[in-house]
Amino acid sequence: MAEPARLVVLASGRGTNLQAVLDACAAGELPARVVLVVSDKPSPALERAQRARTAALYLPKPKNASRADYDAELARHVAAARPDLVVLAGWMRILSPAFLDRFPKRVINLHPALPGAFPGTDAIRRSYEAFRRGEVKSGGVMVHHVVPEVDAGPVILAEPVPIEPEDTLEKFEARVHAVEHRLLVRAIARVLRARR
């Protein structure tokens, strides 16, 4: 039987997408295990990692460090975990070539919008507000390979998330998160299959 793939997850927030990955690994849904979780903030993602008996690293960016210096340091820690795949699951920092060049075609990102729509932060709120103005018909979620341009890499999977006329932002956000959890696990499985 093949060794499980080694995943490193970078997460800045609550860690619910990380939890979906941890649960899928534990259930055998993913032929993988999370070997390291890194956060640049003191986030609940680190607590989730510790509860799952997974290595957790809090690595804030020093005030005087350049982005390239921070990314090189981050890459050093990630490389030490020997990942088959690096998963950005709510990671709120743009990664420069100082990181990406160390892991070519092995870094994927989850983004709560459809390809080409609402790159960058606050995409769920921006999708919802655009729907209210009649500019879009739905929101969505995508998982893509990471390139230096924000949310612009080749798409692995994408799925629209309807916005209902009676939706509050909170209701829409909850539906987006449910799709994120499912789509991220499917995308990781797809990438790992392609790498075998």
C-alpha atoms as a PDB file:
ATOM      1  CA  MET A   1       0.000   0.000   0.000  1.00  0.00           C
ATOM      2  CA  ALA A   2       1.336   3.455  -0.979  1.00  0.00           C
ATOM      3  CA  GLU A   3       2.438   5.852   1.723  1.00  0.00           C
ATOM      4  CA  PRO A   4      -0.128   8.598   2.377  1.00  0.00           C
ATOM      5  CA  ALA A   5       0.704  11.878   0.666  1.00  0.00           C
ATOM      6  CA  ARG A   6       2.188  14.529   2.944  1.00  0.00           C
ATOM      7  CA  LEU A   7       0.160  17.750   3.165  1.00  0.00           C
ATOM      8  CA  VAL A   8       1.233  21.060   4.658  1.00  0.00           C
ATOM      9  CA  VAL A   9      -1.683  23.424   5.308  1.00  0.00           C
ATOM     10  CA  LEU A  10      -1.246  27.186   5.659  1.00  0.00           C
ATOM     11  CA  ALA A  11      -4.187  28.830   7.438  1.00  0.00           C
ATOM     12  CA  SER A  12      -4.646  32.315   8.922  1.00  0.00           C
ATOM     13  CA  GLY A  13      -8.211  32.064  10.211  1.00  0.00           C
ATOM     14  CA  ARG A  14     -10.714  29.852  12.006  1.00  0.00           C
ATOM     15  CA  GLY A  15      -9.409  26.683  10.397  1.00  0.00           C
ATOM     16  CA  THR A  16     -12.743  25.191   9.297  1.00  0.00           C
ATOM     17  CA  ASN A  17     -11.283  24.267   5.900  1.00  0.00           C
ATOM     18  CA  LEU A  18      -8.268  22.754   7.646  1.00  0.00           C
ATOM     19  CA  GLN A  19     -10.711  20.736   9.764  1.00  0.00           C
ATOM     20  CA  ALA A  20     -12.433  19.427   6.629  1.00  0.00           C
ATOM     21  CA  VAL A  21      -9.044  18.222   5.353  1.00  0.00           C
ATOM     22  CA  LEU A  22      -8.080  16.674   8.705  1.00  0.00           C
ATOM     23  CA  ASP A  23     -11.449  14.886   8.876  1.00  0.00           C
ATOM     24  CA  ALA A  24     -11.162  13.600   5.281  1.00  0.00           C
ATOM     25  CA  CYS A  25      -7.671  12.248   6.010  1.00  0.00           C
ATOM     26  CA  ALA A  26      -8.858  10.560   9.229  1.00  0.00           C
ATOM     27  CA  ALA A  27     -11.831   9.001   7.420  1.00  0.00           C
ATOM     28  CA  GLY A  28      -9.663   7.632   4.614  1.00  0.00           C
ATOM     29  CA  GLU A  29     -11.416   9.872   2.088  1.00  0.00           C
ATOM     30  CA  LEU A  30      -8.036  11.396   1.235  1.00  0.00           C
ATOM     31  CA  PRO A  31      -4.969   9.156   0.829  1.00  0.00           C
ATOM     32  CA  ALA A  32      -2.989  11.747   2.758  1.00  0.00           C
ATOM     33  CA  ARG A  33      -2.063  13.107   6.143  1.00  0.00           C
ATOM     34  CA  VAL A  34      -1.468  16.643   7.306  1.00  0.00           C
ATOM     35  CA  VAL A  35       2.127  16.764   8.555  1.00  0.00           C
ATOM     36  CA  LEU A  36       2.306  20.488   9.398  1.00  0.00           C
ATOM     37  CA  VAL A  37      -0.050  23.420   9.886  1.00  0.00           C
ATOM     38  CA  VAL A  38       1.375  26.944   9.729  1.00  0.00           C
ATOM     39  CA  SER A  39      -0.395  30.158  10.680  1.00  0.00           C
ATOM     40  CA  ASP A  40       0.860  33.723  10.537  1.00  0.00           C
ATOM     41  CA  LYS A  41      -1.682  34.684  13.210  1.00  0.00           C
ATOM     42  CA  PRO A  42      -2.516  33.143  16.620  1.00  0.00           C
ATOM     43  CA  SER A  43      -5.514  31.426  15.017  1.00  0.00           C
ATOM     44  CA  PRO A  44      -7.871  28.585  15.948  1.00  0.00           C
ATOM     45  CA  ALA A  45      -6.299  26.631  13.054  1.00  0.00           C
ATOM     46  CA  LEU A  46      -3.290  25.988  15.299  1.00  0.00           C
ATOM     47  CA  GLU A  47      -5.557  24.633  18.047  1.00  0.00           C
ATOM     48  CA  ARG A  48      -7.279  22.345  15.531  1.00  0.00           C
ATOM     49  CA  ALA A  49      -3.878  21.019  14.466  1.00  0.00           C
ATOM     50  CA  GLN A  50      -2.859  20.361  18.062  1.00  0.00           C
ATOM     51  CA  ARG A  51      -6.130  18.526  18.770  1.00  0.00           C
ATOM     52  CA  ALA A  52      -5.413  16.346  15.722  1.00  0.00           C
ATOM     53  CA  ARG A  53      -1.861  15.685  17.033  1.00  0.00           C
ATOM     54  CA  THR A  54      -0.422  17.456  13.988  1.00  0.00           C
ATOM     55  CA  ALA A  55       2.662  19.673  14.099  1.00  0.00           C
ATOM     56  CA  ALA A  56       1.651  23.335  14.347  1.00  0.00           C
ATOM     57  CA  LEU A  57       3.805  26.392  13.761  1.00  0.00           C
ATOM     58  CA  TYR A  58       2.957  30.010  14.542  1.00  0.00           C
ATOM     59  CA  LEU A  59       5.117  32.113  12.220  1.00  0.00           C
ATOM     60  CA  PRO A  60       4.214  35.825  12.289  1.00  0.00           C
ATOM     61  CA  LYS A  61       5.915  38.177   9.861  1.00  0.00           C
ATOM     62  CA  PRO A  62       8.421  40.377  11.709  1.00  0.00           C
ATOM     63  CA  LYS A  63       7.717  44.088  11.216  1.00  0.00           C
ATOM     64  CA  ASN A  64      11.104  44.749   9.619  1.00  0.00           C
ATOM     65  CA  ALA A  65      11.149  41.663   7.356  1.00  0.00           C
ATOM     66  CA  SER A  66      10.519  42.004   3.635  1.00  0.00           C
ATOM     67  CA  ARG A  67       7.890  39.812   2.031  1.00  0.00           C
ATOM     68  CA  ALA A  68      10.631  37.838   0.243  1.00  0.00           C
ATOM     69  CA  ASP A  69      12.544  37.314   3.514  1.00  0.00           C
ATOM     70  CA  TYR A  70       9.406  36.108   5.290  1.00  0.00           C
ATOM     71  CA  ASP A  71       8.468  33.816   2.392  1.00  0.00           C
ATOM     72  CA  ALA A  72      11.971  32.330   2.297  1.00  0.00           C
ATOM     73  CA  GLU A  73      11.763  31.591   6.034  1.00  0.00           C
ATOM     74  CA  LEU A  74       8.279  30.111   5.604  1.00  0.00           C
ATOM     75  CA  ALA A  75       9.554  27.976   2.715  1.00  0.00           C
ATOM     76  CA  ARG A  76      12.412  26.686   4.880  1.00  0.00           C
ATOM     77  CA  HIS A  77       9.957  25.423   7.540  1.00  0.00           C
ATOM     78  CA  VAL A  78       7.559  23.972   4.960  1.00  0.00           C
ATOM     79  CA  ALA A  79      10.347  22.234   3.028  1.00  0.00           C
ATOM     80  CA  ALA A  80      11.542  20.570   6.245  1.00  0.00           C
ATOM     81  CA  ALA A  81       8.134  18.817   6.413  1.00  0.00           C
ATOM     82  CA  ARG A  82       8.758  17.307   2.931  1.00  0.00           C
ATOM     83  CA  PRO A  83       5.284  18.052   1.536  1.00  0.00           C
ATOM     84  CA  ASP A  84       3.821  16.426  -1.538  1.00  0.00           C
ATOM     85  CA  LEU A  85       1.316  19.288  -1.623  1.00  0.00           C
ATOM     86  CA  VAL A  86       0.978  22.670   0.106  1.00  0.00           C
ATOM     87  CA  VAL A  87      -2.640  23.710   0.686  1.00  0.00           C
ATOM     88  CA  LEU A  88      -3.635  27.320   1.354  1.00  0.00           C
ATOM     89  CA  ALA A  89      -6.868  27.089   3.336  1.00  0.00           C
ATOM     90  CA  GLY A  90      -7.734  30.598   4.450  1.00  0.00           C
ATOM     91  CA  TRP A  91      -4.106  31.801   4.212  1.00  0.00           C
ATOM     92  CA  MET A  92      -4.341  35.583   3.987  1.00  0.00           C
ATOM     93  CA  ARG A  93      -0.850  36.436   2.720  1.00  0.00           C
ATOM     94  CA  ILE A  94       0.176  36.702  -0.933  1.00  0.00           C
ATOM     95  CA  LEU A  95       3.070  34.326  -1.559  1.00  0.00           C
ATOM     96  CA  SER A  96       6.018  35.563  -3.605  1.00  0.00           C
ATOM     97  CA  PRO A  97       8.378  33.537  -5.816  1.00  0.00           C
ATOM     98  CA  ALA A  98      10.666  33.251  -2.756  1.00  0.00           C
ATOM     99  CA  PHE A  99       8.116  30.661  -1.543  1.00  0.00           C
ATOM    100  CA  LEU A 100       6.464  29.431  -4.737  1.00  0.00           C
ATOM    101  CA  ASP A 101       9.710  28.615  -6.556  1.00  0.00           C
ATOM    102  CA  ARG A 102      10.576  26.096  -3.812  1.00  0.00           C
ATOM    103  CA  PHE A 103       7.381  24.080  -4.498  1.00  0.00           C
ATOM    104  CA  PRO A 104       6.669  24.281  -8.246  1.00  0.00           C
ATOM    105  CA  LYS A 105       3.137  23.152  -9.138  1.00  0.00           C
ATOM    106  CA  ARG A 106       2.680  21.898  -5.565  1.00  0.00           C
ATOM    107  CA  VAL A 107       0.816  24.857  -3.999  1.00  0.00           C
ATOM    108  CA  ILE A 108      -2.972  25.116  -4.254  1.00  0.00           C
ATOM    109  CA  ASN A 109      -5.380  27.707  -2.870  1.00  0.00           C
ATOM    110  CA  LEU A 110      -9.033  27.781  -1.925  1.00  0.00           C
ATOM    111  CA  HIS A 111     -10.828  31.012  -2.903  1.00  0.00           C
ATOM    112  CA  PRO A 112     -14.512  31.834  -2.211  1.00  0.00           C
ATOM    113  CA  ALA A 113     -15.356  33.166  -5.680  1.00  0.00           C
ATOM    114  CA  LEU A 114     -15.567  31.886  -9.230  1.00  0.00           C
ATOM    115  CA  PRO A 115     -12.540  32.124 -11.556  1.00  0.00           C
ATOM    116  CA  GLY A 116     -11.873  35.710 -12.561  1.00  0.00           C
ATOM    117  CA  ALA A 117     -14.367  37.136 -10.076  1.00  0.00           C
ATOM    118  CA  PHE A 118     -13.482  39.013  -6.876  1.00  0.00           C
ATOM    119  CA  PRO A 119      -9.798  38.137  -6.431  1.00  0.00           C
ATOM    120  CA  GLY A 120      -8.218  38.984  -3.100  1.00  0.00           C
ATOM    121  CA  THR A 121      -9.780  39.513   0.298  1.00  0.00           C
ATOM    122  CA  ASP A 122     -13.415  39.794   1.336  1.00  0.00           C
ATOM    123  CA  ALA A 123     -14.663  37.946  -1.762  1.00  0.00           C
ATOM    124  CA  ILE A 124     -17.820  36.577  -0.101  1.00  0.00           C
ATOM    125  CA  ARG A 125     -19.060  40.023   0.942  1.00  0.00           C
ATOM    126  CA  ARG A 126     -18.095  41.511  -2.423  1.00  0.00           C
ATOM    127  CA  SER A 127     -19.990  38.730  -4.282  1.00  0.00           C
ATOM    128  CA  TYR A 128     -23.055  39.269  -2.110  1.00  0.00           C
ATOM    129  CA  GLU A 129     -23.030  43.041  -2.624  1.00  0.00           C
ATOM    130  CA  ALA A 130     -22.567  42.633  -6.392  1.00  0.00           C
ATOM    131  CA  PHE A 131     -25.597  40.284  -6.436  1.00  0.00           C
ATOM    132  CA  ARG A 132     -27.649  42.878  -4.550  1.00  0.00           C
ATOM    133  CA  ARG A 133     -26.692  45.453  -7.219  1.00  0.00           C
ATOM    134  CA  GLY A 134     -27.746  43.012  -9.981  1.00  0.00           C
ATOM    135  CA  GLU A 135     -24.196  42.601 -11.301  1.00  0.00           C
ATOM    136  CA  VAL A 136     -23.808  38.822 -10.757  1.00  0.00           C
ATOM    137  CA  LYS A 137     -26.199  35.872 -10.624  1.00  0.00           C
ATOM    138  CA  SER A 138     -24.301  33.796  -8.037  1.00  0.00           C
ATOM    139  CA  GLY A 139     -21.216  33.501  -5.916  1.00  0.00           C
ATOM    140  CA  GLY A 140     -18.915  30.549  -5.991  1.00  0.00           C
ATOM    141  CA  VAL A 141     -15.835  28.697  -4.815  1.00  0.00           C
ATOM    142  CA  MET A 142     -12.708  27.622  -6.647  1.00  0.00           C
ATOM    143  CA  VAL A 143      -9.513  25.750  -5.905  1.00  0.00           C
ATOM    144  CA  HIS A 144      -6.582  26.712  -8.102  1.00  0.00           C
ATOM    145  CA  HIS A 145      -2.837  26.306  -8.465  1.00  0.00           C
ATOM    146  CA  VAL A 146      -1.018  29.275  -6.962  1.00  0.00           C
ATOM    147  CA  VAL A 147       0.938  31.718  -9.121  1.00  0.00           C
ATOM    148  CA  PRO A 148       2.380  35.093  -8.041  1.00  0.00           C
ATOM    149  CA  GLU A 149      -0.754  36.919  -9.315  1.00  0.00           C
ATOM    150  CA  VAL A 150      -3.593  36.863  -6.781  1.00  0.00           C
ATOM    151  CA  ASP A 151      -6.205  34.126  -7.337  1.00  0.00           C
ATOM    152  CA  ALA A 152      -5.173  33.791 -10.988  1.00  0.00           C
ATOM    153  CA  GLY A 153      -3.588  30.317 -11.289  1.00  0.00           C
ATOM    154  CA  PRO A 154      -4.961  27.364 -13.282  1.00  0.00           C
ATOM    155  CA  VAL A 155      -8.288  26.200 -11.844  1.00  0.00           C
ATOM    156  CA  ILE A 156      -8.553  22.661 -10.450  1.00  0.00           C
ATOM    157  CA  LEU A 157     -12.255  22.754  -9.503  1.00  0.00           C
ATOM    158  CA  ALA A 158     -14.904  25.472  -9.331  1.00  0.00           C
ATOM    159  CA  GLU A 159     -18.539  25.460  -8.279  1.00  0.00           C
ATOM    160  CA  PRO A 160     -21.168  28.233  -8.295  1.00  0.00           C
ATOM    161  CA  VAL A 161     -22.963  28.956  -5.027  1.00  0.00           C
ATOM    162  CA  PRO A 162     -26.442  30.416  -5.559  1.00  0.00           C
ATOM    163  CA  ILE A 163     -27.433  33.600  -3.766  1.00  0.00           C
ATOM    164  CA  GLU A 164     -31.122  33.594  -2.898  1.00  0.00           C
ATOM    165  CA  PRO A 165     -33.083  36.879  -2.929  1.00  0.00           C
ATOM    166  CA  GLU A 166     -33.934  36.459   0.772  1.00  0.00           C
ATOM    167  CA  ASP A 167     -30.355  35.621   1.771  1.00  0.00           C
ATOM    168  CA  THR A 168     -28.552  37.605   4.411  1.00  0.00           C
ATOM    169  CA  LEU A 169     -24.793  37.839   4.047  1.00  0.00           C
ATOM    170  CA  GLU A 170     -24.494  35.358   6.949  1.00  0.00           C
ATOM    171  CA  LYS A 171     -26.748  32.754   5.246  1.00  0.00           C
ATOM    172  CA  PHE A 172     -24.867  33.067   1.971  1.00  0.00           C
ATOM    173  CA  GLU A 173     -21.522  32.866   3.768  1.00  0.00           C
ATOM    174  CA  ALA A 174     -22.561  29.643   5.545  1.00  0.00           C
ATOM    175  CA  ARG A 175     -23.494  28.071   2.197  1.00  0.00           C
ATOM    176  CA  VAL A 176     -20.161  29.150   0.680  1.00  0.00           C
ATOM    177  CA  HIS A 177     -18.259  27.576   3.584  1.00  0.00           C
ATOM    178  CA  ALA A 178     -20.124  24.273   3.173  1.00  0.00           C
ATOM    179  CA  VAL A 179     -19.127  24.172  -0.507  1.00  0.00           C
ATOM    180  CA  GLU A 180     -15.532  25.163   0.364  1.00  0.00           C
ATOM    181  CA  HIS A 181     -15.131  22.211   2.728  1.00  0.00           C
ATOM    182  CA  ARG A 182     -16.347  19.715   0.120  1.00  0.00           C
ATOM    183  CA  LEU A 183     -14.613  21.244  -2.898  1.00  0.00           C
ATOM    184  CA  LEU A 184     -11.223  21.561  -1.178  1.00  0.00           C
ATOM    185  CA  VAL A 185     -11.173  17.858  -0.292  1.00  0.00           C
ATOM    186  CA  ARG A 186     -12.184  16.890  -3.857  1.00  0.00           C
ATOM    187  CA  ALA A 187      -9.516  19.171  -5.347  1.00  0.00           C
ATOM    188  CA  ILE A 188      -6.766  17.760  -3.122  1.00  0.00           C
ATOM    189  CA  ALA A 189      -7.816  14.228  -4.116  1.00  0.00           C
ATOM    190  CA  ARG A 190      -7.736  15.199  -7.805  1.00  0.00           C
ATOM    191  CA  VAL A 191      -4.263  16.753  -7.570  1.00  0.00           C
ATOM    192  CA  LEU A 192      -2.881  13.781  -5.640  1.00  0.00           C
ATOM    193  CA  ARG A 193      -4.299  11.336  -8.217  1.00  0.00           C
ATOM    194  CA  ALA A 194      -2.645  13.323 -11.015  1.00  0.00           C
ATOM    195  CA  ARG A 195       0.705  13.233  -9.181  1.00  0.00           C
ATOM    196  CA  ARG A 196       0.724   9.449  -8.615  1.00  0.00           C
END
